[in-house]
Amino acid sequence: MAKKAFVYDGTQWVDIAQSTTDLTNYANMTTTPISGFRNAIINGGFDIWQRGTSFASSTSSAWTADRWYANRSNGTSSVSRISFTPGELSIPGNGSPDYFLRHAVTIGNDFTEIQQRIENVNTFAGQTVTLSFWAKGTNPGDGSYSARLAQTFGTGGSTTVSTWFNPITITSSWARYSVTTTLPSVAGKTIGAESFVQLVIGQSNSTSTAAWTLDIWGVQLEAGSIATPFEHRPIGTELALCQRYYYRVTPTVDGQWLSGFGTARSTTEVLVPVFLPVTMRTIPTFTGSQTAVADTFNTRIVATTGVITSAQPNIAGLSLGVTGAVQYRPYVMLNNSGQIGTSFMAFDAEL
């Protein structure tokens, strides 16, 4: 008698005893120490939004929810964090999720998509992989969504290779969709620095300008030919995974400290250390808006510029441009009065 093994995929019980590979994948999912990280997608449940929760309609491509990039390709779209109504979507093993991502396209165009880059082009190379997600909305002008994986070989590496999943047609009601493909081997390829595999979901095969809206949650990319239940990682773990690539602080309290104590190197420069919460993927770049520095007597001066002068992936030395510092006096960076909720500092190590 043929062996039977079933797993609930969120909509139905599926017999996964179709091949030795599927049985092995399921065994790994349920019995090994790596079972908490079978999903290669970070923030697939859209719980982390360090950059903001609403990104206005634009033709410019931009980062949105953590690890998710809106590629607009001359289309026009907005991205928003939308709250689920209680009980709107109930997922076995996950309960009711909090948020989904809405990609609202008012003017469509080829390659208007959401994307996520996965470190290292060797990821899933030569393997069968399954993409799954929950979605509702309207379809692009050609009637379906395209999804693909782009093996990008980095600086000085081989030409990008794209592998397509089957087209996906969604409806106005929440449903789970899954598609499977096999990535080519990287044998014979040249791999340079900053290589990655990029997941793309959107309008990729049509130049139609028709509007469409994609509401999406629970994006999962995993080895094997079966869509296993969406992997729910603890929120602290998911945040740390996101902060490997991007870390942002937007203080909500006047005088909140943003750095350790540093020193005024001159009357116009204060150097302070910022200790990053996790080790970032690489030495980050820094952006920020007006904050302040305060000396040991709590005398505040506004920092109008800030650049990283020395850094490691877990600590950054910030050179702050100021006026009127007392040379050699210790200073700390803090949130400035009048900038509550708007001043920020951000460290970027995205691929």
C-alpha atoms as a PDB file:
ATOM      1  CA  MET A   1       0.000   0.000   0.000  1.00  0.00           C
ATOM      2  CA  ALA A   2       1.297   3.444  -0.898  1.00  0.00           C
ATOM      3  CA  LYS A   3       2.379   5.598   2.006  1.00  0.00           C
ATOM      4  CA  LYS A   4       0.258   8.616   2.904  1.00  0.00           C
ATOM      5  CA  ALA A   5       1.404  11.753   4.664  1.00  0.00           C
ATOM      6  CA  PHE A   6      -0.715  14.852   4.903  1.00  0.00           C
ATOM      7  CA  VAL A   7      -0.124  18.493   5.782  1.00  0.00           C
ATOM      8  CA  TYR A   8      -2.707  21.265   6.049  1.00  0.00           C
ATOM      9  CA  ASP A   9      -1.740  24.041   3.595  1.00  0.00           C
ATOM     10  CA  GLY A  10      -4.174  26.608   4.998  1.00  0.00           C
ATOM     11  CA  THR A  11      -7.079  25.606   2.775  1.00  0.00           C
ATOM     12  CA  GLN A  12      -7.052  21.812   2.550  1.00  0.00           C
ATOM     13  CA  TRP A  13      -5.213  18.649   3.568  1.00  0.00           C
ATOM     14  CA  VAL A  14      -2.574  17.764   0.977  1.00  0.00           C
ATOM     15  CA  ASP A  15      -0.939  14.372   0.472  1.00  0.00           C
ATOM     16  CA  ILE A  16       2.776  15.137   0.458  1.00  0.00           C
ATOM     17  CA  ALA A  17       3.894  11.519   0.094  1.00  0.00           C
ATOM     18  CA  GLN A  18       4.355  12.000  -3.621  1.00  0.00           C
ATOM     19  CA  SER A  19       8.138  11.796  -3.644  1.00  0.00           C
ATOM     20  CA  THR A  20      11.115  11.175  -1.413  1.00  0.00           C
ATOM     21  CA  THR A  21      12.001  14.861  -1.761  1.00  0.00           C
ATOM     22  CA  ASP A  22       8.632  16.033  -0.441  1.00  0.00           C
ATOM     23  CA  LEU A  23       8.758  13.610   2.498  1.00  0.00           C
ATOM     24  CA  THR A  24      12.268  14.796   3.348  1.00  0.00           C
ATOM     25  CA  ASN A  25      11.225  18.443   3.157  1.00  0.00           C
ATOM     26  CA  TYR A  26       8.272  17.777   5.461  1.00  0.00           C
ATOM     27  CA  ALA A  27      10.468  15.875   7.909  1.00  0.00           C
ATOM     28  CA  ASN A  28      12.905  18.787   7.982  1.00  0.00           C
ATOM     29  CA  MET A  29      10.025  21.213   8.541  1.00  0.00           C
ATOM     30  CA  THR A  30       8.743  19.371  11.592  1.00  0.00           C
ATOM     31  CA  THR A  31      11.724  17.722  13.259  1.00  0.00           C
ATOM     32  CA  THR A  32      14.954  19.659  12.726  1.00  0.00           C
ATOM     33  CA  PRO A  33      16.450  22.726  14.412  1.00  0.00           C
ATOM     34  CA  ILE A  34      16.057  24.772  11.201  1.00  0.00           C
ATOM     35  CA  SER A  35      12.305  24.318  11.130  1.00  0.00           C
ATOM     36  CA  GLY A  36      11.839  27.948  12.233  1.00  0.00           C
ATOM     37  CA  PHE A  37      13.488  29.276   9.079  1.00  0.00           C
ATOM     38  CA  ARG A  38      12.146  27.336   6.125  1.00  0.00           C
ATOM     39  CA  ASN A  39      10.674  30.570   4.717  1.00  0.00           C
ATOM     40  CA  ALA A  40      13.364  32.531   2.862  1.00  0.00           C
ATOM     41  CA  ILE A  41      11.156  35.639   2.810  1.00  0.00           C
ATOM     42  CA  ILE A  42      11.632  38.131   5.645  1.00  0.00           C
ATOM     43  CA  ASN A  43       8.561  40.025   6.873  1.00  0.00           C
ATOM     44  CA  GLY A  44       6.213  38.001   4.711  1.00  0.00           C
ATOM     45  CA  GLY A  45       3.466  38.753   7.240  1.00  0.00           C
ATOM     46  CA  PHE A  46       4.034  42.532   6.923  1.00  0.00           C
ATOM     47  CA  ASP A  47       4.344  43.184  10.646  1.00  0.00           C
ATOM     48  CA  ILE A  48       7.468  45.380  10.395  1.00  0.00           C
ATOM     49  CA  TRP A  49       7.265  48.874   8.837  1.00  0.00           C
ATOM     50  CA  GLN A  50      10.275  50.870  10.062  1.00  0.00           C
ATOM     51  CA  ARG A  51      10.139  53.416   7.222  1.00  0.00           C
ATOM     52  CA  GLY A  52       6.468  54.308   7.710  1.00  0.00           C
ATOM     53  CA  THR A  53       3.076  52.743   7.062  1.00  0.00           C
ATOM     54  CA  SER A  54       1.838  54.716   4.056  1.00  0.00           C
ATOM     55  CA  PHE A  55       3.728  55.554   0.875  1.00  0.00           C
ATOM     56  CA  ALA A  56       1.955  58.033  -1.377  1.00  0.00           C
ATOM     57  CA  SER A  57       1.160  57.488  -5.030  1.00  0.00           C
ATOM     58  CA  SER A  58       4.320  57.934  -7.089  1.00  0.00           C
ATOM     59  CA  THR A  59       6.106  56.918 -10.255  1.00  0.00           C
ATOM     60  CA  SER A  60       9.407  56.560  -8.387  1.00  0.00           C
ATOM     61  CA  SER A  61      10.495  53.173  -7.105  1.00  0.00           C
ATOM     62  CA  ALA A  62      11.017  53.034  -3.324  1.00  0.00           C
ATOM     63  CA  TRP A  63      11.347  50.889  -0.217  1.00  0.00           C
ATOM     64  CA  THR A  64       8.103  50.361   1.684  1.00  0.00           C
ATOM     65  CA  ALA A  65       7.465  47.701   4.337  1.00  0.00           C
ATOM     66  CA  ASP A  66      10.702  46.255   5.626  1.00  0.00           C
ATOM     67  CA  ARG A  67      12.544  44.239   2.975  1.00  0.00           C
ATOM     68  CA  TRP A  68       9.883  45.071   0.342  1.00  0.00           C
ATOM     69  CA  TYR A  69      10.617  47.339  -2.613  1.00  0.00           C
ATOM     70  CA  ALA A  70       7.962  48.845  -4.894  1.00  0.00           C
ATOM     71  CA  ASN A  71       9.316  48.882  -8.431  1.00  0.00           C
ATOM     72  CA  ARG A  72       7.073  51.228 -10.418  1.00  0.00           C
ATOM     73  CA  SER A  73       8.776  51.243 -13.829  1.00  0.00           C
ATOM     74  CA  ASN A  74       6.901  54.419 -14.889  1.00  0.00           C
ATOM     75  CA  GLY A  75       3.641  53.075 -13.529  1.00  0.00           C
ATOM     76  CA  THR A  76       1.939  54.949 -10.695  1.00  0.00           C
ATOM     77  CA  SER A  77       1.163  53.276  -7.384  1.00  0.00           C
ATOM     78  CA  SER A  78       0.897  53.651  -3.627  1.00  0.00           C
ATOM     79  CA  VAL A  79       1.711  51.172  -0.875  1.00  0.00           C
ATOM     80  CA  SER A  80      -0.057  51.050   2.484  1.00  0.00           C
ATOM     81  CA  ARG A  81      -0.228  48.989   5.625  1.00  0.00           C
ATOM     82  CA  ILE A  82      -3.859  47.920   6.068  1.00  0.00           C
ATOM     83  CA  SER A  83      -5.279  46.430   9.249  1.00  0.00           C
ATOM     84  CA  PHE A  84      -7.284  43.237   9.015  1.00  0.00           C
ATOM     85  CA  THR A  85     -10.721  43.488  10.547  1.00  0.00           C
ATOM     86  CA  PRO A  86     -11.078  40.952  13.385  1.00  0.00           C
ATOM     87  CA  GLY A  87     -11.719  37.521  11.911  1.00  0.00           C
ATOM     88  CA  GLU A  88     -11.284  38.709   8.305  1.00  0.00           C
ATOM     89  CA  LEU A  89      -8.611  36.071   7.745  1.00  0.00           C
ATOM     90  CA  SER A  90      -8.048  33.138  10.096  1.00  0.00           C
ATOM     91  CA  ILE A  91      -4.944  31.054   9.439  1.00  0.00           C
ATOM     92  CA  PRO A  92      -4.473  27.607  11.022  1.00  0.00           C
ATOM     93  CA  GLY A  93      -1.516  27.849  13.395  1.00  0.00           C
ATOM     94  CA  ASN A  94      -1.351  31.652  13.054  1.00  0.00           C
ATOM     95  CA  GLY A  95      -4.753  32.841  14.201  1.00  0.00           C
ATOM     96  CA  SER A  96      -5.815  36.204  12.794  1.00  0.00           C
ATOM     97  CA  PRO A  97      -2.946  38.306  11.403  1.00  0.00           C
ATOM     98  CA  ASP A  98      -2.721  42.047  12.091  1.00  0.00           C
ATOM     99  CA  TYR A  99      -1.751  43.684   8.788  1.00  0.00           C
ATOM    100  CA  PHE A 100      -1.490  43.148   5.063  1.00  0.00           C
ATOM    101  CA  LEU A 101       0.224  45.129   2.320  1.00  0.00           C
ATOM    102  CA  ARG A 102      -1.854  46.919  -0.290  1.00  0.00           C
ATOM    103  CA  HIS A 103      -0.176  47.781  -3.604  1.00  0.00           C
ATOM    104  CA  ALA A 104      -2.680  50.084  -5.328  1.00  0.00           C
ATOM    105  CA  VAL A 105      -1.713  50.781  -8.933  1.00  0.00           C
ATOM    106  CA  THR A 106      -3.563  53.646 -10.604  1.00  0.00           C
ATOM    107  CA  ILE A 107      -1.565  53.524 -13.861  1.00  0.00           C
ATOM    108  CA  GLY A 108      -0.119  50.144 -14.742  1.00  0.00           C
ATOM    109  CA  ASN A 109       3.022  49.402 -16.703  1.00  0.00           C
ATOM    110  CA  ASP A 110       5.420  46.559 -17.395  1.00  0.00           C
ATOM    111  CA  PHE A 111       7.445  45.619 -14.283  1.00  0.00           C
ATOM    112  CA  THR A 112       5.247  47.494 -11.810  1.00  0.00           C
ATOM    113  CA  GLU A 113       5.857  45.067  -8.953  1.00  0.00           C
ATOM    114  CA  ILE A 114       6.779  44.399  -5.359  1.00  0.00           C
ATOM    115  CA  GLN A 115      10.146  42.772  -4.831  1.00  0.00           C
ATOM    116  CA  GLN A 116      12.346  41.230  -2.160  1.00  0.00           C
ATOM    117  CA  ARG A 117      16.018  40.382  -2.470  1.00  0.00           C
ATOM    118  CA  ILE A 118      17.341  37.252  -0.756  1.00  0.00           C
ATOM    119  CA  GLU A 119      21.034  37.220   0.074  1.00  0.00           C
ATOM    120  CA  ASN A 120      23.374  35.018  -1.962  1.00  0.00           C
ATOM    121  CA  VAL A 121      22.600  33.783  -5.466  1.00  0.00           C
ATOM    122  CA  ASN A 122      23.378  30.236  -4.298  1.00  0.00           C
ATOM    123  CA  THR A 123      20.082  30.235  -2.388  1.00  0.00           C
ATOM    124  CA  PHE A 124      17.841  27.477  -3.816  1.00  0.00           C
ATOM    125  CA  ALA A 125      20.161  27.062  -6.851  1.00  0.00           C
ATOM    126  CA  GLY A 126      19.233  23.896  -8.746  1.00  0.00           C
ATOM    127  CA  GLN A 127      16.274  23.228  -6.451  1.00  0.00           C
ATOM    128  CA  THR A 128      12.512  23.062  -6.778  1.00  0.00           C
ATOM    129  CA  VAL A 129      10.902  25.907  -4.822  1.00  0.00           C
ATOM    130  CA  THR A 130       7.337  26.847  -3.954  1.00  0.00           C
ATOM    131  CA  LEU A 131       5.946  30.362  -3.603  1.00  0.00           C
ATOM    132  CA  SER A 132       2.729  30.826  -1.651  1.00  0.00           C
ATOM    133  CA  PHE A 133       0.724  33.775  -0.347  1.00  0.00           C
ATOM    134  CA  TRP A 134      -2.773  34.931   0.547  1.00  0.00           C
ATOM    135  CA  ALA A 135      -4.228  37.616  -1.716  1.00  0.00           C
ATOM    136  CA  LYS A 136      -7.310  39.425  -2.943  1.00  0.00           C
ATOM    137  CA  GLY A 137      -7.935  42.387  -5.219  1.00  0.00           C
ATOM    138  CA  THR A 138      -8.036  42.994  -8.952  1.00  0.00           C
ATOM    139  CA  ASN A 139      -5.779  41.697 -11.703  1.00  0.00           C
ATOM    140  CA  PRO A 140      -3.447  43.621 -14.049  1.00  0.00           C
ATOM    141  CA  GLY A 141      -4.595  44.440 -17.567  1.00  0.00           C
ATOM    142  CA  ASP A 142      -3.596  41.097 -19.064  1.00  0.00           C
ATOM    143  CA  GLY A 143      -5.716  39.269 -16.477  1.00  0.00           C
ATOM    144  CA  SER A 144      -3.111  37.723 -14.166  1.00  0.00           C
ATOM    145  CA  TYR A 145      -0.103  38.357 -11.964  1.00  0.00           C
ATOM    146  CA  SER A 146       3.399  37.306 -12.858  1.00  0.00           C
ATOM    147  CA  ALA A 147       5.894  36.013 -10.322  1.00  0.00           C
ATOM    148  CA  ARG A 148       9.522  35.205 -10.959  1.00  0.00           C
ATOM    149  CA  LEU A 149      12.878  34.603  -9.289  1.00  0.00           C
ATOM    150  CA  ALA A 150      15.835  36.541 -10.679  1.00  0.00           C
ATOM    151  CA  GLN A 151      19.242  35.018  -9.932  1.00  0.00           C
ATOM    152  CA  THR A 152      21.504  38.080  -9.848  1.00  0.00           C
ATOM    153  CA  PHE A 153      25.217  37.312  -9.732  1.00  0.00           C
ATOM    154  CA  GLY A 154      26.550  40.556  -8.266  1.00  0.00           C
ATOM    155  CA  THR A 155      29.263  42.986  -9.263  1.00  0.00           C
ATOM    156  CA  GLY A 156      31.339  41.511 -12.069  1.00  0.00           C
ATOM    157  CA  GLY A 157      29.226  38.368 -12.073  1.00  0.00           C
ATOM    158  CA  SER A 158      27.298  36.552 -14.787  1.00  0.00           C
ATOM    159  CA  THR A 159      24.171  37.920 -16.434  1.00  0.00           C
ATOM    160  CA  THR A 160      20.955  37.721 -14.390  1.00  0.00           C
ATOM    161  CA  VAL A 161      18.826  34.624 -15.018  1.00  0.00           C
ATOM    162  CA  SER A 162      15.048  34.888 -14.480  1.00  0.00           C
ATOM    163  CA  THR A 163      12.832  31.880 -13.812  1.00  0.00           C
ATOM    164  CA  TRP A 164       9.063  32.339 -14.024  1.00  0.00           C
ATOM    165  CA  PHE A 165       6.269  30.771 -12.033  1.00  0.00           C
ATOM    166  CA  ASN A 166       2.916  30.074 -13.666  1.00  0.00           C
ATOM    167  CA  PRO A 167       0.613  33.137 -13.902  1.00  0.00           C
ATOM    168  CA  ILE A 168      -1.673  33.784 -10.917  1.00  0.00           C
ATOM    169  CA  THR A 169      -5.231  35.105 -11.176  1.00  0.00           C
ATOM    170  CA  ILE A 170      -6.775  36.437  -7.971  1.00  0.00           C
ATOM    171  CA  THR A 171     -10.349  37.290  -6.950  1.00  0.00           C
ATOM    172  CA  SER A 172     -11.988  39.858  -4.678  1.00  0.00           C
ATOM    173  CA  SER A 173     -11.957  37.389  -1.749  1.00  0.00           C
ATOM    174  CA  TRP A 174      -9.022  36.191   0.307  1.00  0.00           C
ATOM    175  CA  ALA A 175      -7.546  32.906  -0.923  1.00  0.00           C
ATOM    176  CA  ARG A 176      -4.186  31.200  -0.740  1.00  0.00           C
ATOM    177  CA  TYR A 177      -2.230  30.738  -3.959  1.00  0.00           C
ATOM    178  CA  SER A 178       0.839  28.600  -4.571  1.00  0.00           C
ATOM    179  CA  VAL A 179       3.087  28.049  -7.577  1.00  0.00           C
ATOM    180  CA  THR A 180       6.197  25.942  -8.039  1.00  0.00           C
ATOM    181  CA  THR A 181       9.255  26.191 -10.262  1.00  0.00           C
ATOM    182  CA  THR A 182      12.839  24.912 -10.425  1.00  0.00           C
ATOM    183  CA  LEU A 183      15.795  27.267 -10.351  1.00  0.00           C
ATOM    184  CA  PRO A 184      18.770  26.603 -12.621  1.00  0.00           C
ATOM    185  CA  SER A 185      22.085  25.514 -11.179  1.00  0.00           C
ATOM    186  CA  VAL A 186      24.798  28.160 -10.807  1.00  0.00           C
ATOM    187  CA  ALA A 187      27.438  25.753 -12.126  1.00  0.00           C
ATOM    188  CA  GLY A 188      29.742  27.554 -14.533  1.00  0.00           C
ATOM    189  CA  LYS A 189      28.569  31.009 -13.443  1.00  0.00           C
ATOM    190  CA  THR A 190      30.741  33.811 -12.103  1.00  0.00           C
ATOM    191  CA  ILE A 191      29.543  35.082  -8.724  1.00  0.00           C
ATOM    192  CA  GLY A 192      30.544  38.594  -7.717  1.00  0.00           C
ATOM    193  CA  ALA A 193      29.967  40.686  -4.615  1.00  0.00           C
ATOM    194  CA  GLU A 194      26.424  41.506  -3.455  1.00  0.00           C
ATOM    195  CA  SER A 195      24.752  38.582  -5.243  1.00  0.00           C
ATOM    196  CA  PHE A 196      21.121  37.769  -4.516  1.00  0.00           C
ATOM    197  CA  VAL A 197      17.937  36.022  -5.620  1.00  0.00           C
ATOM    198  CA  GLN A 198      15.067  38.435  -6.155  1.00  0.00           C
ATOM    199  CA  LEU A 199      11.417  37.505  -5.749  1.00  0.00           C
ATOM    200  CA  VAL A 200       9.086  39.603  -7.906  1.00  0.00           C
ATOM    201  CA  ILE A 201       5.258  39.713  -7.832  1.00  0.00           C
ATOM    202  CA  GLY A 202       3.262  42.059 -10.034  1.00  0.00           C
ATOM    203  CA  GLN A 203       2.610  43.166 -13.611  1.00  0.00           C
ATOM    204  CA  SER A 204       5.566  41.773 -15.474  1.00  0.00           C
ATOM    205  CA  ASN A 205       4.252  40.614 -18.848  1.00  0.00           C
ATOM    206  CA  SER A 206       1.978  43.428 -19.997  1.00  0.00           C
ATOM    207  CA  THR A 207       2.250  47.099 -20.921  1.00  0.00           C
ATOM    208  CA  SER A 208      -1.415  47.669 -20.104  1.00  0.00           C
ATOM    209  CA  THR A 209      -2.023  50.917 -18.227  1.00  0.00           C
ATOM    210  CA  ALA A 210      -5.156  49.565 -16.513  1.00  0.00           C
ATOM    211  CA  ALA A 211      -5.395  50.035 -12.755  1.00  0.00           C
ATOM    212  CA  TRP A 212      -5.144  47.111 -10.353  1.00  0.00           C
ATOM    213  CA  THR A 213      -4.858  46.488  -6.624  1.00  0.00           C
ATOM    214  CA  LEU A 214      -3.033  43.671  -4.864  1.00  0.00           C
ATOM    215  CA  ASP A 215      -3.789  42.970  -1.189  1.00  0.00           C
ATOM    216  CA  ILE A 216      -1.253  40.410   0.004  1.00  0.00           C
ATOM    217  CA  TRP A 217      -0.242  38.604   3.190  1.00  0.00           C
ATOM    218  CA  GLY A 218       1.742  35.538   4.224  1.00  0.00           C
ATOM    219  CA  VAL A 219       4.349  35.473   1.455  1.00  0.00           C
ATOM    220  CA  GLN A 220       6.457  32.330   1.713  1.00  0.00           C
ATOM    221  CA  LEU A 221       9.243  30.923  -0.468  1.00  0.00           C
ATOM    222  CA  GLU A 222      10.551  27.496   0.466  1.00  0.00           C
ATOM    223  CA  ALA A 223      12.326  24.451  -0.896  1.00  0.00           C
ATOM    224  CA  GLY A 224      10.168  21.625  -2.218  1.00  0.00           C
ATOM    225  CA  SER A 225       7.022  21.271  -4.274  1.00  0.00           C
ATOM    226  CA  ILE A 226       4.460  21.685  -1.450  1.00  0.00           C
ATOM    227  CA  ALA A 227       3.251  24.943   0.111  1.00  0.00           C
ATOM    228  CA  THR A 228       3.542  24.253   3.827  1.00  0.00           C
ATOM    229  CA  PRO A 229       1.634  26.381   6.385  1.00  0.00           C
ATOM    230  CA  PHE A 230       2.865  29.964   6.646  1.00  0.00           C
ATOM    231  CA  GLU A 231       5.757  30.113   9.059  1.00  0.00           C
ATOM    232  CA  HIS A 232       5.034  32.408  11.991  1.00  0.00           C
ATOM    233  CA  ARG A 233       8.256  33.590  13.641  1.00  0.00           C
ATOM    234  CA  PRO A 234       8.243  35.587  16.907  1.00  0.00           C
ATOM    235  CA  ILE A 235       7.919  39.328  16.246  1.00  0.00           C
ATOM    236  CA  GLY A 236      11.281  40.019  17.909  1.00  0.00           C
ATOM    237  CA  THR A 237      12.988  37.522  15.618  1.00  0.00           C
ATOM    238  CA  GLU A 238      11.342  39.018  12.528  1.00  0.00           C
ATOM    239  CA  LEU A 239      12.366  42.537  13.595  1.00  0.00           C
ATOM    240  CA  ALA A 240      15.972  41.448  14.119  1.00  0.00           C
ATOM    241  CA  LEU A 241      16.011  39.840  10.655  1.00  0.00           C
ATOM    242  CA  CYS A 242      14.783  43.139   9.178  1.00  0.00           C
ATOM    243  CA  GLN A 243      17.305  45.198  11.147  1.00  0.00           C
ATOM    244  CA  ARG A 244      20.158  43.239   9.593  1.00  0.00           C
ATOM    245  CA  TYR A 245      19.333  45.268   6.459  1.00  0.00           C
ATOM    246  CA  TYR A 246      17.784  48.484   7.814  1.00  0.00           C
ATOM    247  CA  TYR A 247      17.569  50.111  11.223  1.00  0.00           C
ATOM    248  CA  ARG A 248      15.599  53.269  11.900  1.00  0.00           C
ATOM    249  CA  VAL A 249      14.785  55.196  15.058  1.00  0.00           C
ATOM    250  CA  THR A 250      12.011  57.804  15.113  1.00  0.00           C
ATOM    251  CA  PRO A 251      11.883  59.036  18.711  1.00  0.00           C
ATOM    252  CA  THR A 252       8.563  59.927  20.278  1.00  0.00           C
ATOM    253  CA  VAL A 253       9.874  61.576  23.465  1.00  0.00           C
ATOM    254  CA  ASP A 254      11.737  64.863  23.744  1.00  0.00           C
ATOM    255  CA  GLY A 255      15.288  64.247  24.912  1.00  0.00           C
ATOM    256  CA  GLN A 256      15.333  60.533  24.095  1.00  0.00           C
ATOM    257  CA  TRP A 257      18.948  59.413  23.749  1.00  0.00           C
ATOM    258  CA  LEU A 258      20.015  58.193  20.318  1.00  0.00           C
ATOM    259  CA  SER A 259      23.696  57.534  20.926  1.00  0.00           C
ATOM    260  CA  GLY A 260      26.380  56.875  23.485  1.00  0.00           C
ATOM    261  CA  PHE A 261      28.527  59.705  24.800  1.00  0.00           C
ATOM    262  CA  GLY A 262      30.960  61.157  22.293  1.00  0.00           C
ATOM    263  CA  THR A 263      33.241  64.174  22.134  1.00  0.00           C
ATOM    264  CA  ALA A 264      33.323  67.554  20.452  1.00  0.00           C
ATOM    265  CA  ARG A 265      36.328  67.372  18.158  1.00  0.00           C
ATOM    266  CA  SER A 266      35.943  71.071  17.408  1.00  0.00           C
ATOM    267  CA  THR A 267      33.374  73.825  17.782  1.00  0.00           C
ATOM    268  CA  THR A 268      31.658  72.581  14.592  1.00  0.00           C
ATOM    269  CA  GLU A 269      31.894  68.775  14.892  1.00  0.00           C
ATOM    270  CA  VAL A 270      30.693  66.289  17.492  1.00  0.00           C
ATOM    271  CA  LEU A 271      31.594  62.615  17.103  1.00  0.00           C
ATOM    272  CA  VAL A 272      29.241  60.132  18.804  1.00  0.00           C
ATOM    273  CA  PRO A 273      28.937  56.322  18.698  1.00  0.00           C
ATOM    274  CA  VAL A 274      25.657  54.602  17.818  1.00  0.00           C
ATOM    275  CA  PHE A 275      25.392  50.966  18.877  1.00  0.00           C
ATOM    276  CA  LEU A 276      23.265  49.045  16.383  1.00  0.00           C
ATOM    277  CA  PRO A 277      20.797  46.467  17.788  1.00  0.00           C
ATOM    278  CA  VAL A 278      21.966  43.644  15.500  1.00  0.00           C
ATOM    279  CA  THR A 279      24.995  43.083  13.320  1.00  0.00           C
ATOM    280  CA  MET A 280      24.057  44.486   9.926  1.00  0.00           C
ATOM    281  CA  ARG A 281      24.702  42.779   6.616  1.00  0.00           C
ATOM    282  CA  THR A 282      27.507  45.209   5.812  1.00  0.00           C
ATOM    283  CA  ILE A 283      28.752  48.607   6.955  1.00  0.00           C
ATOM    284  CA  PRO A 284      25.630  50.768   6.605  1.00  0.00           C
ATOM    285  CA  THR A 285      25.026  54.206   5.167  1.00  0.00           C
ATOM    286  CA  PHE A 286      23.405  56.879   7.336  1.00  0.00           C
ATOM    287  CA  THR A 287      20.542  59.281   6.754  1.00  0.00           C
ATOM    288  CA  GLY A 288      18.777  61.456   9.287  1.00  0.00           C
ATOM    289  CA  SER A 289      16.866  64.627   9.949  1.00  0.00           C
ATOM    290  CA  GLN A 290      17.467  67.288  12.569  1.00  0.00           C
ATOM    291  CA  THR A 291      18.305  66.032  16.022  1.00  0.00           C
ATOM    292  CA  ALA A 292      20.292  67.669  18.783  1.00  0.00           C
ATOM    293  CA  VAL A 293      23.389  67.055  20.837  1.00  0.00           C
ATOM    294  CA  ALA A 294      23.653  67.917  24.496  1.00  0.00           C
ATOM    295  CA  ASP A 295      26.725  68.335  26.656  1.00  0.00           C
ATOM    296  CA  THR A 296      27.142  67.346  30.263  1.00  0.00           C
ATOM    297  CA  PHE A 297      25.439  70.568  31.332  1.00  0.00           C
ATOM    298  CA  ASN A 298      22.406  69.723  29.122  1.00  0.00           C
ATOM    299  CA  THR A 299      23.123  72.594  26.784  1.00  0.00           C
ATOM    300  CA  ARG A 300      21.545  71.666  23.431  1.00  0.00           C
ATOM    301  CA  ILE A 301      22.843  72.556  20.005  1.00  0.00           C
ATOM    302  CA  VAL A 302      21.207  71.467  16.740  1.00  0.00           C
ATOM    303  CA  ALA A 303      22.976  68.924  14.547  1.00  0.00           C
ATOM    304  CA  THR A 304      22.271  69.942  10.948  1.00  0.00           C
ATOM    305  CA  THR A 305      24.361  67.265   9.204  1.00  0.00           C
ATOM    306  CA  GLY A 306      25.468  63.745   9.983  1.00  0.00           C
ATOM    307  CA  VAL A 307      27.793  61.303   8.236  1.00  0.00           C
ATOM    308  CA  ILE A 308      29.376  58.012   9.205  1.00  0.00           C
ATOM    309  CA  THR A 309      33.113  58.515   9.602  1.00  0.00           C
ATOM    310  CA  SER A 310      33.979  55.095  10.974  1.00  0.00           C
ATOM    311  CA  ALA A 311      31.866  51.989  11.332  1.00  0.00           C
ATOM    312  CA  GLN A 312      31.590  48.284  11.753  1.00  0.00           C
ATOM    313  CA  PRO A 313      28.391  46.325  11.061  1.00  0.00           C
ATOM    314  CA  ASN A 314      27.385  46.654  14.737  1.00  0.00           C
ATOM    315  CA  ILE A 315      28.569  50.179  15.634  1.00  0.00           C
ATOM    316  CA  ALA A 316      28.740  53.459  13.756  1.00  0.00           C
ATOM    317  CA  GLY A 317      30.711  56.597  14.554  1.00  0.00           C
ATOM    318  CA  LEU A 318      28.627  59.624  13.517  1.00  0.00           C
ATOM    319  CA  SER A 319      30.187  62.970  12.739  1.00  0.00           C
ATOM    320  CA  LEU A 320      27.552  65.636  13.479  1.00  0.00           C
ATOM    321  CA  GLY A 321      27.824  69.130  12.056  1.00  0.00           C
ATOM    322  CA  VAL A 322      26.996  71.728  14.725  1.00  0.00           C
ATOM    323  CA  THR A 323      27.611  75.335  15.673  1.00  0.00           C
ATOM    324  CA  GLY A 324      28.912  76.406  19.075  1.00  0.00           C
ATOM    325  CA  ALA A 325      30.188  73.172  20.584  1.00  0.00           C
ATOM    326  CA  VAL A 326      32.757  73.308  23.351  1.00  0.00           C
ATOM    327  CA  GLN A 327      35.791  71.432  22.098  1.00  0.00           C
ATOM    328  CA  TYR A 328      36.655  68.207  24.000  1.00  0.00           C
ATOM    329  CA  ARG A 329      33.469  68.344  26.071  1.00  0.00           C
ATOM    330  CA  PRO A 330      31.397  65.091  26.100  1.00  0.00           C
ATOM    331  CA  TYR A 331      28.150  65.131  24.129  1.00  0.00           C
ATOM    332  CA  VAL A 332      25.261  62.746  23.513  1.00  0.00           C
ATOM    333  CA  MET A 333      22.826  62.817  20.570  1.00  0.00           C
ATOM    334  CA  LEU A 334      19.160  63.084  21.490  1.00  0.00           C
ATOM    335  CA  ASN A 335      15.769  63.896  20.030  1.00  0.00           C
ATOM    336  CA  ASN A 336      15.222  67.629  19.723  1.00  0.00           C
ATOM    337  CA  SER A 337      12.253  69.551  21.084  1.00  0.00           C
ATOM    338  CA  GLY A 338       9.860  70.356  18.236  1.00  0.00           C
ATOM    339  CA  GLN A 339      10.980  67.340  16.200  1.00  0.00           C
ATOM    340  CA  ILE A 340       9.091  64.661  18.136  1.00  0.00           C
ATOM    341  CA  GLY A 341       7.892  61.952  15.780  1.00  0.00           C
ATOM    342  CA  THR A 342       9.558  63.541  12.737  1.00  0.00           C
ATOM    343  CA  SER A 343      13.279  63.523  13.451  1.00  0.00           C
ATOM    344  CA  PHE A 344      14.935  60.197  12.765  1.00  0.00           C
ATOM    345  CA  MET A 345      18.166  58.383  12.107  1.00  0.00           C
ATOM    346  CA  ALA A 346      18.435  55.446   9.748  1.00  0.00           C
ATOM    347  CA  PHE A 347      21.157  52.954   8.878  1.00  0.00           C
ATOM    348  CA  ASP A 348      20.845  51.181   5.539  1.00  0.00           C
ATOM    349  CA  ALA A 349      22.558  47.933   4.525  1.00  0.00           C
ATOM    350  CA  GLU A 350      20.015  46.736   1.951  1.00  0.00           C
ATOM    351  CA  LEU A 351      21.126  44.710  -1.046  1.00  0.00           C
END
